[in-house]
Structure formats: structure tokens, C-alpha cells
PDB file of N, CA and C in Angstrom:
ATOM      1  N   MET A   1     -15.773  25.353 -30.165  1.00  0.00           N
ATOM      2  CA  MET A   1     -15.386  24.035 -29.678  1.00  0.00           C
ATOM      3  C   MET A   1     -16.494  23.560 -28.737  1.00  0.00           C
ATOM      4  N   GLY A   2     -16.974  22.355 -28.975  1.00  0.00           N
ATOM      5  CA  GLY A   2     -18.048  21.810 -28.163  1.00  0.00           C
ATOM      6  C   GLY A   2     -17.548  21.260 -26.836  1.00  0.00           C
ATOM      7  N   PHE A   3     -18.462  21.058 -25.946  1.00  0.00           N
ATOM      8  CA  PHE A   3     -18.138  20.543 -24.612  1.00  0.00           C
ATOM      9  C   PHE A   3     -17.484  19.169 -24.706  1.00  0.00           C
ATOM     10  N   ALA A   4     -18.011  18.310 -25.577  1.00  0.00           N
ATOM     11  CA  ALA A   4     -17.472  16.953 -25.711  1.00  0.00           C
ATOM     12  C   ALA A   4     -16.027  16.992 -26.185  1.00  0.00           C
ATOM     13  N   GLN A   5     -15.730  17.893 -27.122  1.00  0.00           N
ATOM     14  CA  GLN A   5     -14.361  18.000 -27.625  1.00  0.00           C
ATOM     15  C   GLN A   5     -13.426  18.544 -26.532  1.00  0.00           C
ATOM     16  N   GLU A   6     -13.892  19.537 -25.782  1.00  0.00           N
ATOM     17  CA  GLU A   6     -13.087  20.068 -24.679  1.00  0.00           C
ATOM     18  C   GLU A   6     -12.804  18.996 -23.639  1.00  0.00           C
ATOM     19  N   PHE A   7     -13.835  18.212 -23.332  1.00  0.00           N
ATOM     20  CA  PHE A   7     -13.666  17.137 -22.352  1.00  0.00           C
ATOM     21  C   PHE A   7     -12.677  16.098 -22.858  1.00  0.00           C
ATOM     22  N   SER A   8     -12.766  15.750 -24.134  1.00  0.00           N
ATOM     23  CA  SER A   8     -11.844  14.790 -24.734  1.00  0.00           C
ATOM     24  C   SER A   8     -10.411  15.311 -24.679  1.00  0.00           C
ATOM     25  N   GLU A   9     -10.206  16.583 -24.981  1.00  0.00           N
ATOM     26  CA  GLU A   9      -8.865  17.167 -24.912  1.00  0.00           C
ATOM     27  C   GLU A   9      -8.344  17.190 -23.480  1.00  0.00           C
ATOM     28  N   PHE A  10      -9.231  17.459 -22.529  1.00  0.00           N
ATOM     29  CA  PHE A  10      -8.847  17.429 -21.119  1.00  0.00           C
ATOM     30  C   PHE A  10      -8.343  16.040 -20.738  1.00  0.00           C
ATOM     31  N   LEU A  11      -9.094  15.008 -21.139  1.00  0.00           N
ATOM     32  CA  LEU A  11      -8.696  13.634 -20.818  1.00  0.00           C
ATOM     33  C   LEU A  11      -7.346  13.298 -21.434  1.00  0.00           C
ATOM     34  N   GLN A  12      -7.117  13.746 -22.653  1.00  0.00           N
ATOM     35  CA  GLN A  12      -5.855  13.446 -23.324  1.00  0.00           C
ATOM     36  C   GLN A  12      -4.693  14.257 -22.745  1.00  0.00           C
ATOM     37  N   GLU A  13      -4.934  15.533 -22.485  1.00  0.00           N
ATOM     38  CA  GLU A  13      -3.866  16.396 -21.997  1.00  0.00           C
ATOM     39  C   GLU A  13      -3.356  15.958 -20.629  1.00  0.00           C
ATOM     40  N   TYR A  14      -4.263  15.611 -19.746  1.00  0.00           N
ATOM     41  CA  TYR A  14      -3.867  15.228 -18.387  1.00  0.00           C
ATOM     42  C   TYR A  14      -3.741  13.726 -18.204  1.00  0.00           C
ATOM     43  N   LYS A  15      -3.865  12.983 -19.290  1.00  0.00           N
ATOM     44  CA  LYS A  15      -3.690  11.522 -19.276  1.00  0.00           C
ATOM     45  C   LYS A  15      -4.509  10.879 -18.158  1.00  0.00           C
ATOM     46  N   VAL A  16      -5.774  11.248 -18.101  1.00  0.00           N
ATOM     47  CA  VAL A  16      -6.669  10.810 -17.037  1.00  0.00           C
ATOM     48  C   VAL A  16      -6.887   9.304 -17.092  1.00  0.00           C
ATOM     49  N   VAL A  17      -6.990   8.750 -18.284  1.00  0.00           N
ATOM     50  CA  VAL A  17      -7.229   7.308 -18.403  1.00  0.00           C
ATOM     51  C   VAL A  17      -6.029   6.532 -17.857  1.00  0.00           C
ATOM     52  N   GLY A  18      -4.824   6.955 -18.202  1.00  0.00           N
ATOM     53  CA  GLY A  18      -3.623   6.293 -17.677  1.00  0.00           C
ATOM     54  C   GLY A  18      -3.535   6.410 -16.168  1.00  0.00           C
ATOM     55  N   LEU A  19      -3.905   7.564 -15.649  1.00  0.00           N
ATOM     56  CA  LEU A  19      -3.906   7.762 -14.206  1.00  0.00           C
ATOM     57  C   LEU A  19      -4.918   6.845 -13.528  1.00  0.00           C
ATOM     58  N   ALA A  20      -6.084   6.705 -14.144  1.00  0.00           N
ATOM     59  CA  ALA A  20      -7.113   5.819 -13.586  1.00  0.00           C
ATOM     60  C   ALA A  20      -6.641   4.376 -13.578  1.00  0.00           C
ATOM     61  N   VAL A  21      -5.997   3.954 -14.647  1.00  0.00           N
ATOM     62  CA  VAL A  21      -5.469   2.589 -14.717  1.00  0.00           C
ATOM     63  C   VAL A  21      -4.402   2.382 -13.643  1.00  0.00           C
ATOM     64  N   ALA A  22      -3.507   3.348 -13.492  1.00  0.00           N
ATOM     65  CA  ALA A  22      -2.465   3.242 -12.465  1.00  0.00           C
ATOM     66  C   ALA A  22      -3.076   3.178 -11.065  1.00  0.00           C
ATOM     67  N   PHE A  23      -4.118   3.956 -10.834  1.00  0.00           N
ATOM     68  CA  PHE A  23      -4.784   3.947  -9.534  1.00  0.00           C
ATOM     69  C   PHE A  23      -5.404   2.582  -9.253  1.00  0.00           C
ATOM     70  N   ILE A  24      -6.077   2.005 -10.241  1.00  0.00           N
ATOM     71  CA  ILE A  24      -6.706   0.688 -10.066  1.00  0.00           C
ATOM     72  C   ILE A  24      -5.654  -0.386  -9.826  1.00  0.00           C
ATOM     73  N   ILE A  25      -4.561  -0.333 -10.569  1.00  0.00           N
ATOM     74  CA  ILE A  25      -3.481  -1.300 -10.360  1.00  0.00           C
ATOM     75  C   ILE A  25      -2.870  -1.107  -8.975  1.00  0.00           C
ATOM     76  N   GLY A  26      -2.748   0.134  -8.536  1.00  0.00           N
ATOM     77  CA  GLY A  26      -2.233   0.407  -7.189  1.00  0.00           C
ATOM     78  C   GLY A  26      -3.124  -0.182  -6.110  1.00  0.00           C
ATOM     79  N   LEU A  27      -4.440  -0.067  -6.292  1.00  0.00           N
ATOM     80  CA  LEU A  27      -5.367  -0.670  -5.330  1.00  0.00           C
ATOM     81  C   LEU A  27      -5.220  -2.193  -5.299  1.00  0.00           C
ATOM     82  N   ALA A  28      -5.098  -2.786  -6.476  1.00  0.00           N
ATOM     83  CA  ALA A  28      -4.941  -4.241  -6.547  1.00  0.00           C
ATOM     84  C   ALA A  28      -3.621  -4.664  -5.905  1.00  0.00           C
ATOM     85  N   LEU A  29      -2.563  -3.903  -6.145  1.00  0.00           N
ATOM     86  CA  LEU A  29      -1.265  -4.213  -5.549  1.00  0.00           C
ATOM     87  C   LEU A  29      -1.325  -4.083  -4.035  1.00  0.00           C
ATOM     88  N   THR A  30      -2.024  -3.075  -3.554  1.00  0.00           N
ATOM     89  CA  THR A  30      -2.180  -2.890  -2.110  1.00  0.00           C
ATOM     90  C   THR A  30      -2.890  -4.090  -1.493  1.00  0.00           C
ATOM     91  N   ALA A  31      -3.957  -4.553  -2.132  1.00  0.00           N
ATOM     92  CA  ALA A  31      -4.677  -5.721  -1.622  1.00  0.00           C
ATOM     93  C   ALA A  31      -3.774  -6.956  -1.621  1.00  0.00           C
ATOM     94  N   LEU A  32      -2.970  -7.105  -2.660  1.00  0.00           N
ATOM     95  CA  LEU A  32      -2.055  -8.240  -2.746  1.00  0.00           C
ATOM     96  C   LEU A  32      -1.006  -8.198  -1.640  1.00  0.00           C
ATOM     97  N   VAL A  33      -0.427  -7.035  -1.418  1.00  0.00           N
ATOM     98  CA  VAL A  33       0.606  -6.903  -0.382  1.00  0.00           C
ATOM     99  C   VAL A  33      -0.001  -7.060   1.010  1.00  0.00           C
ATOM    100  N   GLN A  34      -1.201  -6.524   1.221  1.00  0.00           N
ATOM    101  CA  GLN A  34      -1.859  -6.712   2.518  1.00  0.00           C
ATOM    102  C   GLN A  34      -2.123  -8.190   2.784  1.00  0.00           C
ATOM    103  N   SER A  35      -2.479  -8.930   1.751  1.00  0.00           N
ATOM    104  CA  SER A  35      -2.667 -10.374   1.910  1.00  0.00           C
ATOM    105  C   SER A  35      -1.333 -11.047   2.243  1.00  0.00           C
ATOM    106  N   LEU A  36      -0.271 -10.622   1.575  1.00  0.00           N
ATOM    107  CA  LEU A  36       1.059 -11.159   1.880  1.00  0.00           C
ATOM    108  C   LEU A  36       1.418 -10.907   3.336  1.00  0.00           C
ATOM    109  N   VAL A  37       1.171  -9.693   3.790  1.00  0.00           N
ATOM    110  CA  VAL A  37       1.498  -9.351   5.177  1.00  0.00           C
ATOM    111  C   VAL A  37       0.644 -10.166   6.143  1.00  0.00           C
ATOM    112  N   SER A  38      -0.661 -10.196   5.905  1.00  0.00           N
ATOM    113  CA  SER A  38      -1.581 -10.870   6.829  1.00  0.00           C
ATOM    114  C   SER A  38      -1.402 -12.382   6.857  1.00  0.00           C
ATOM    115  N   ASN A  39      -1.158 -12.983   5.694  1.00  0.00           N
ATOM    116  CA  ASN A  39      -1.175 -14.439   5.599  1.00  0.00           C
ATOM    117  C   ASN A  39       0.192 -15.096   5.575  1.00  0.00           C
ATOM    118  N   VAL A  40       1.250 -14.335   5.308  1.00  0.00           N
ATOM    119  CA  VAL A  40       2.586 -14.935   5.238  1.00  0.00           C
ATOM    120  C   VAL A  40       3.518 -14.350   6.296  1.00  0.00           C
ATOM    121  N   ILE A  41       3.615 -13.035   6.348  1.00  0.00           N
ATOM    122  CA  ILE A  41       4.600 -12.415   7.234  1.00  0.00           C
ATOM    123  C   ILE A  41       4.142 -12.386   8.683  1.00  0.00           C
ATOM    124  N   MET A  42       2.893 -11.991   8.917  1.00  0.00           N
ATOM    125  CA  MET A  42       2.404 -11.920  10.294  1.00  0.00           C
ATOM    126  C   MET A  42       2.425 -13.282  11.001  1.00  0.00           C
ATOM    127  N   PRO A  43       2.069 -14.381  10.338  1.00  0.00           N
ATOM    128  CA  PRO A  43       2.198 -15.666  11.035  1.00  0.00           C
ATOM    129  C   PRO A  43       3.632 -15.984  11.455  1.00  0.00           C
ATOM    130  N   VAL A  44       4.612 -15.554  10.661  1.00  0.00           N
ATOM    131  CA  VAL A  44       6.015 -15.758  11.033  1.00  0.00           C
ATOM    132  C   VAL A  44       6.349 -14.919  12.256  1.00  0.00           C
ATOM    133  N   ILE A  45       5.901 -13.668  12.269  1.00  0.00           N
ATOM    134  CA  ILE A  45       6.136 -12.805  13.426  1.00  0.00           C
ATOM    135  C   ILE A  45       5.429 -13.371  14.653  1.00  0.00           C
ATOM    136  N   THR A  46       4.210 -13.862  14.453  1.00  0.00           N
ATOM    137  CA  THR A  46       3.435 -14.434  15.558  1.00  0.00           C
ATOM    138  C   THR A  46       4.133 -15.662  16.137  1.00  0.00           C
ATOM    139  N   PHE A  47       4.909 -16.378  15.302  1.00  0.00           N
ATOM    140  CA  PHE A  47       5.662 -17.527  15.790  1.00  0.00           C
ATOM    141  C   PHE A  47       6.660 -17.089  16.858  1.00  0.00           C
ATOM    142  N   PHE A  48       7.292 -15.933  16.651  1.00  0.00           N
ATOM    143  CA  PHE A  48       8.275 -15.424  17.605  1.00  0.00           C
ATOM    144  C   PHE A  48       7.625 -14.696  18.782  1.00  0.00           C
ATOM    145  N   ILE A  49       6.430 -14.164  18.552  1.00  0.00           N
ATOM    146  CA  ILE A  49       5.663 -13.505  19.616  1.00  0.00           C
ATOM    147  C   ILE A  49       4.333 -14.242  19.688  1.00  0.00           C
ATOM    148  N   PRO A  50       4.276 -15.336  20.455  1.00  0.00           N
ATOM    149  CA  PRO A  50       3.106 -16.215  20.458  1.00  0.00           C
ATOM    150  C   PRO A  50       1.795 -15.500  20.782  1.00  0.00           C
ATOM    151  N   GLY A  51       0.746 -16.024  20.203  1.00  0.00           N
ATOM    152  CA  GLY A  51      -0.596 -15.529  20.489  1.00  0.00           C
ATOM    153  C   GLY A  51      -1.046 -14.403  19.586  1.00  0.00           C
ATOM    154  N   GLY A  52      -0.145 -13.738  18.914  1.00  0.00           N
ATOM    155  CA  GLY A  52      -0.502 -12.642  18.029  1.00  0.00           C
ATOM    156  C   GLY A  52      -1.118 -11.460  18.751  1.00  0.00           C
ATOM    157  N   GLU A  53      -0.974 -11.421  20.047  1.00  0.00           N
ATOM    158  CA  GLU A  53      -1.581 -10.339  20.820  1.00  0.00           C
ATOM    159  C   GLU A  53      -0.873  -9.001  20.620  1.00  0.00           C
ATOM    160  N   TRP A  54       0.300  -9.008  20.045  1.00  0.00           N
ATOM    161  CA  TRP A  54       1.021  -7.761  19.851  1.00  0.00           C
ATOM    162  C   TRP A  54       0.268  -6.835  18.903  1.00  0.00           C
ATOM    163  N   GLN A  55      -0.541  -7.393  17.995  1.00  0.00           N
ATOM    164  CA  GLN A  55      -1.293  -6.560  17.048  1.00  0.00           C
ATOM    165  C   GLN A  55      -2.408  -5.775  17.731  1.00  0.00           C
ATOM    166  N   THR A  56      -2.855  -6.267  18.863  1.00  0.00           N
ATOM    167  CA  THR A  56      -3.913  -5.567  19.598  1.00  0.00           C
ATOM    168  C   THR A  56      -3.379  -4.927  20.887  1.00  0.00           C
ATOM    169  N   ALA A  57      -2.053  -4.900  21.022  1.00  0.00           N
ATOM    170  CA  ALA A  57      -1.445  -4.351  22.235  1.00  0.00           C
ATOM    171  C   ALA A  57      -1.755  -2.869  22.375  1.00  0.00           C
ATOM    172  N   LYS A  58      -2.025  -2.471  23.603  1.00  0.00           N
ATOM    173  CA  LYS A  58      -2.369  -1.074  23.892  1.00  0.00           C
ATOM    174  C   LYS A  58      -1.606  -0.619  25.120  1.00  0.00           C
ATOM    175  N   LEU A  59      -1.327   0.661  25.160  1.00  0.00           N
ATOM    176  CA  LEU A  59      -0.684   1.279  26.302  1.00  0.00           C
ATOM    177  C   LEU A  59      -1.662   2.292  26.874  1.00  0.00           C
ATOM    178  N   SER A  60      -2.016   2.112  28.143  1.00  0.00           N
ATOM    179  CA  SER A  60      -2.958   3.029  28.792  1.00  0.00           C
ATOM    180  C   SER A  60      -2.205   3.967  29.725  1.00  0.00           C
ATOM    181  N   ILE A  61      -2.394   5.244  29.485  1.00  0.00           N
ATOM    182  CA  ILE A  61      -1.818   6.280  30.347  1.00  0.00           C
ATOM    183  C   ILE A  61      -2.992   7.116  30.824  1.00  0.00           C
ATOM    184  N   GLY A  62      -3.510   6.752  31.964  1.00  0.00           N
ATOM    185  CA  GLY A  62      -4.711   7.424  32.468  1.00  0.00           C
ATOM    186  C   GLY A  62      -5.875   7.171  31.519  1.00  0.00           C
ATOM    187  N   PRO A  63      -6.561   8.211  31.088  1.00  0.00           N
ATOM    188  CA  PRO A  63      -7.691   8.031  30.178  1.00  0.00           C
ATOM    189  C   PRO A  63      -7.268   7.856  28.715  1.00  0.00           C
ATOM    190  N   VAL A  64      -5.989   8.024  28.423  1.00  0.00           N
ATOM    191  CA  VAL A  64      -5.492   7.920  27.045  1.00  0.00           C
ATOM    192  C   VAL A  64      -5.070   6.482  26.772  1.00  0.00           C
ATOM    193  N   VAL A  65      -5.580   5.917  25.675  1.00  0.00           N
ATOM    194  CA  VAL A  65      -5.220   4.558  25.272  1.00  0.00           C
ATOM    195  C   VAL A  65      -4.533   4.640  23.910  1.00  0.00           C
ATOM    196  N   ILE A  66      -3.291   4.151  23.846  1.00  0.00           N
ATOM    197  CA  ILE A  66      -2.509   4.183  22.614  1.00  0.00           C
ATOM    198  C   ILE A  66      -2.418   2.756  22.074  1.00  0.00           C
ATOM    199  N   GLY A  67      -2.952   2.538  20.869  1.00  0.00           N
ATOM    200  CA  GLY A  67      -2.914   1.215  20.238  1.00  0.00           C
ATOM    201  C   GLY A  67      -1.642   1.025  19.443  1.00  0.00           C
ATOM    202  N   TRP A  68      -0.545   0.769  20.121  1.00  0.00           N
ATOM    203  CA  TRP A  68       0.743   0.662  19.447  1.00  0.00           C
ATOM    204  C   TRP A  68       0.867  -0.614  18.623  1.00  0.00           C
ATOM    205  N   GLY A  69       0.147  -1.653  18.957  1.00  0.00           N
ATOM    206  CA  GLY A  69       0.210  -2.901  18.189  1.00  0.00           C
ATOM    207  C   GLY A  69      -0.379  -2.725  16.793  1.00  0.00           C
ATOM    208  N   ALA A  70      -1.527  -2.077  16.708  1.00  0.00           N
ATOM    209  CA  ALA A  70      -2.152  -1.822  15.407  1.00  0.00           C
ATOM    210  C   ALA A  70      -1.279  -0.886  14.577  1.00  0.00           C
ATOM    211  N   PHE A  71      -0.665   0.101  15.247  1.00  0.00           N
ATOM    212  CA  PHE A  71       0.223   1.020  14.535  1.00  0.00           C
ATOM    213  C   PHE A  71       1.442   0.277  13.997  1.00  0.00           C
ATOM    214  N   LEU A  72       2.014  -0.604  14.798  1.00  0.00           N
ATOM    215  CA  LEU A  72       3.175  -1.380  14.351  1.00  0.00           C
ATOM    216  C   LEU A  72       2.812  -2.253  13.149  1.00  0.00           C
ATOM    217  N   ALA A  73       1.636  -2.860  13.167  1.00  0.00           N
ATOM    218  CA  ALA A  73       1.183  -3.669  12.034  1.00  0.00           C
ATOM    219  C   ALA A  73       1.035  -2.800  10.780  1.00  0.00           C
ATOM    220  N   ALA A  74       0.514  -1.572  10.939  1.00  0.00           N
ATOM    221  CA  ALA A  74       0.370  -0.664   9.802  1.00  0.00           C
ATOM    222  C   ALA A  74       1.737  -0.231   9.268  1.00  0.00           C
ATOM    223  N   VAL A  75       2.700  -0.023  10.158  1.00  0.00           N
ATOM    224  CA  VAL A  75       4.051   0.359   9.735  1.00  0.00           C
ATOM    225  C   VAL A  75       4.696  -0.777   8.942  1.00  0.00           C
ATOM    226  N   ILE A  76       4.567  -1.999   9.427  1.00  0.00           N
ATOM    227  CA  ILE A  76       5.113  -3.151   8.709  1.00  0.00           C
ATOM    228  C   ILE A  76       4.462  -3.270   7.335  1.00  0.00           C
ATOM    229  N   ASN A  77       3.148  -3.104   7.275  1.00  0.00           N
ATOM    230  CA  ASN A  77       2.424  -3.162   6.010  1.00  0.00           C
ATOM    231  C   ASN A  77       2.931  -2.081   5.052  1.00  0.00           C
ATOM    232  N   PHE A  78       3.089  -0.850   5.550  1.00  0.00           N
ATOM    233  CA  PHE A  78       3.585   0.250   4.718  1.00  0.00           C
ATOM    234  C   PHE A  78       4.984  -0.045   4.189  1.00  0.00           C
ATOM    235  N   LEU A  79       5.876  -0.518   5.058  1.00  0.00           N
ATOM    236  CA  LEU A  79       7.247  -0.784   4.637  1.00  0.00           C
ATOM    237  C   LEU A  79       7.305  -1.843   3.545  1.00  0.00           C
ATOM    238  N   ILE A  80       6.462  -2.861   3.662  1.00  0.00           N
ATOM    239  CA  ILE A  80       6.451  -3.910   2.645  1.00  0.00           C
ATOM    240  C   ILE A  80       5.900  -3.369   1.325  1.00  0.00           C
ATOM    241  N   ILE A  81       4.826  -2.565   1.389  1.00  0.00           N
ATOM    242  CA  ILE A  81       4.282  -1.965   0.171  1.00  0.00           C
ATOM    243  C   ILE A  81       5.316  -1.054  -0.476  1.00  0.00           C
ATOM    244  N   ALA A  82       5.996  -0.234   0.329  1.00  0.00           N
ATOM    245  CA  ALA A  82       7.019   0.665  -0.205  1.00  0.00           C
ATOM    246  C   ALA A  82       8.161  -0.118  -0.841  1.00  0.00           C
ATOM    247  N   LEU A  83       8.548  -1.239  -0.240  1.00  0.00           N
ATOM    248  CA  LEU A  83       9.607  -2.074  -0.799  1.00  0.00           C
ATOM    249  C   LEU A  83       9.183  -2.669  -2.141  1.00  0.00           C
ATOM    250  N   VAL A  84       7.963  -3.166  -2.217  1.00  0.00           N
ATOM    251  CA  VAL A  84       7.463  -3.746  -3.466  1.00  0.00           C
ATOM    252  C   VAL A  84       7.406  -2.684  -4.565  1.00  0.00           C
ATOM    253  N   VAL A  85       6.891  -1.497  -4.239  1.00  0.00           N
ATOM    254  CA  VAL A  85       6.830  -0.411  -5.225  1.00  0.00           C
ATOM    255  C   VAL A  85       8.239  -0.013  -5.660  1.00  0.00           C
ATOM    256  N   PHE A  86       9.171   0.061  -4.721  1.00  0.00           N
ATOM    257  CA  PHE A  86      10.561   0.393  -5.053  1.00  0.00           C
ATOM    258  C   PHE A  86      11.149  -0.613  -6.026  1.00  0.00           C
ATOM    259  N   ILE A  87      10.932  -1.887  -5.766  1.00  0.00           N
ATOM    260  CA  ILE A  87      11.467  -2.938  -6.634  1.00  0.00           C
ATOM    261  C   ILE A  87      10.858  -2.837  -8.031  1.00  0.00           C
ATOM    262  N   ILE A  88       9.548  -2.592  -8.103  1.00  0.00           N
ATOM    263  CA  ILE A  88       8.885  -2.476  -9.401  1.00  0.00           C
ATOM    264  C   ILE A  88       9.408  -1.268 -10.171  1.00  0.00           C
ATOM    265  N   VAL A  89       9.505  -0.116  -9.498  1.00  0.00           N
ATOM    266  CA  VAL A  89       9.989   1.102 -10.162  1.00  0.00           C
ATOM    267  C   VAL A  89      11.431   0.926 -10.612  1.00  0.00           C
ATOM    268  N   LYS A  90      12.250   0.300  -9.784  1.00  0.00           N
ATOM    269  CA  LYS A  90      13.648   0.071 -10.138  1.00  0.00           C
ATOM    270  C   LYS A  90      13.734  -0.817 -11.378  1.00  0.00           C
ATOM    271  N   LYS A  91      12.914  -1.849 -11.433  1.00  0.00           N
ATOM    272  CA  LYS A  91      12.908  -2.761 -12.574  1.00  0.00           C
ATOM    273  C   LYS A  91      12.432  -2.032 -13.836  1.00  0.00           C
ATOM    274  N   VAL A  92      11.363  -1.240 -13.723  1.00  0.00           N
ATOM    275  CA  VAL A  92      10.836  -0.517 -14.883  1.00  0.00           C
ATOM    276  C   VAL A  92      11.859   0.511 -15.373  1.00  0.00           C
ATOM    277  N   ALA A  93      12.486   1.240 -14.460  1.00  0.00           N
ATOM    278  CA  ALA A  93      13.483   2.235 -14.842  1.00  0.00           C
ATOM    279  C   ALA A  93      14.674   1.583 -15.519  1.00  0.00           C
ATOM    280  N   LYS A  94      15.050   0.412 -15.046  1.00  0.00           N
ATOM    281  CA  LYS A  94      16.173  -0.316 -15.650  1.00  0.00           C
ATOM    282  C   LYS A  94      15.811  -0.761 -17.068  1.00  0.00           C
ATOM    283  N   ASP A  95      14.584  -1.233 -17.263  1.00  0.00           N
ATOM    284  CA  ASP A  95      14.143  -1.669 -18.591  1.00  0.00           C
ATOM    285  C   ASP A  95      14.036  -0.499 -19.557  1.00  0.00           C
ATOM    286  N   GLU A  96      13.646   0.701 -19.068  1.00  0.00           N
ATOM    287  CA  GLU A  96      13.514   1.869 -19.937  1.00  0.00           C
ATOM    288  C   GLU A  96      14.863   2.370 -20.403  1.00  0.00           C
ATOM    289  N   LYS A  97      15.915   2.159 -19.625  1.00  0.00           N
ATOM    290  CA  LYS A  97      17.251   2.614 -20.014  1.00  0.00           C
ATOM    291  C   LYS A  97      17.817   1.783 -21.155  1.00  0.00           C
ATOM    292  N   LYS A  98      17.347   0.544 -21.292  1.00  0.00           N
ATOM    293  CA  LYS A  98      17.879  -0.352 -22.321  1.00  0.00           C
ATOM    294  C   LYS A  98      17.422   0.012 -23.684  1.00  0.00           C
TER     295      LYS A  98
END
């Protein structure tokens, strides 16, 4: 068995092409959701917390500086991405049952 044939079987057995496509779509979805968070949701939050300074808020305890605002923004971003993925998976699973 030649190297090319072994490599081809490896790609087919582990479905590498499908995994690559899923990874690329995941990156695109992440960019889309980050845009949603940055351009739609954060301005609404900023309306209730004027100035948008909460995203850069820091807590200083002596020499230690904790950037809790950036962490909170990352948590909100994660929750929205997880919600979108959940909705997509739920929809796909529902369609597969039919």
C-alpha cells in the first residue's frame, strides 16, 4: 500500500475533510456572534450602564489588577455563542428525527 493510499484512507476514516469544514463554519459563526454581541447587544447594555466603561472596569488589590469588565464581556460573548450553538444543534437533531 502506497503512502498516498494510506493518507487517503486516513482522511476518509477520520472524516478529516468534514471536520475541517465544521471548524471553518465554527470560526465564521464565532465571528458572526461576536459581531452581534459587539454591535447589537453591548450597545443595549451600555444604554443601561452609560459610557461603556464597565468593559474596561478593573479592581485593584495592591499590586494585583483584576480586569472584571473584560471578563464579563467574554462571559456574555460565550453565553450567546453557546445559546446559538444549542439552538442550531436542537434544530438539526429535530430535523434528523423526522
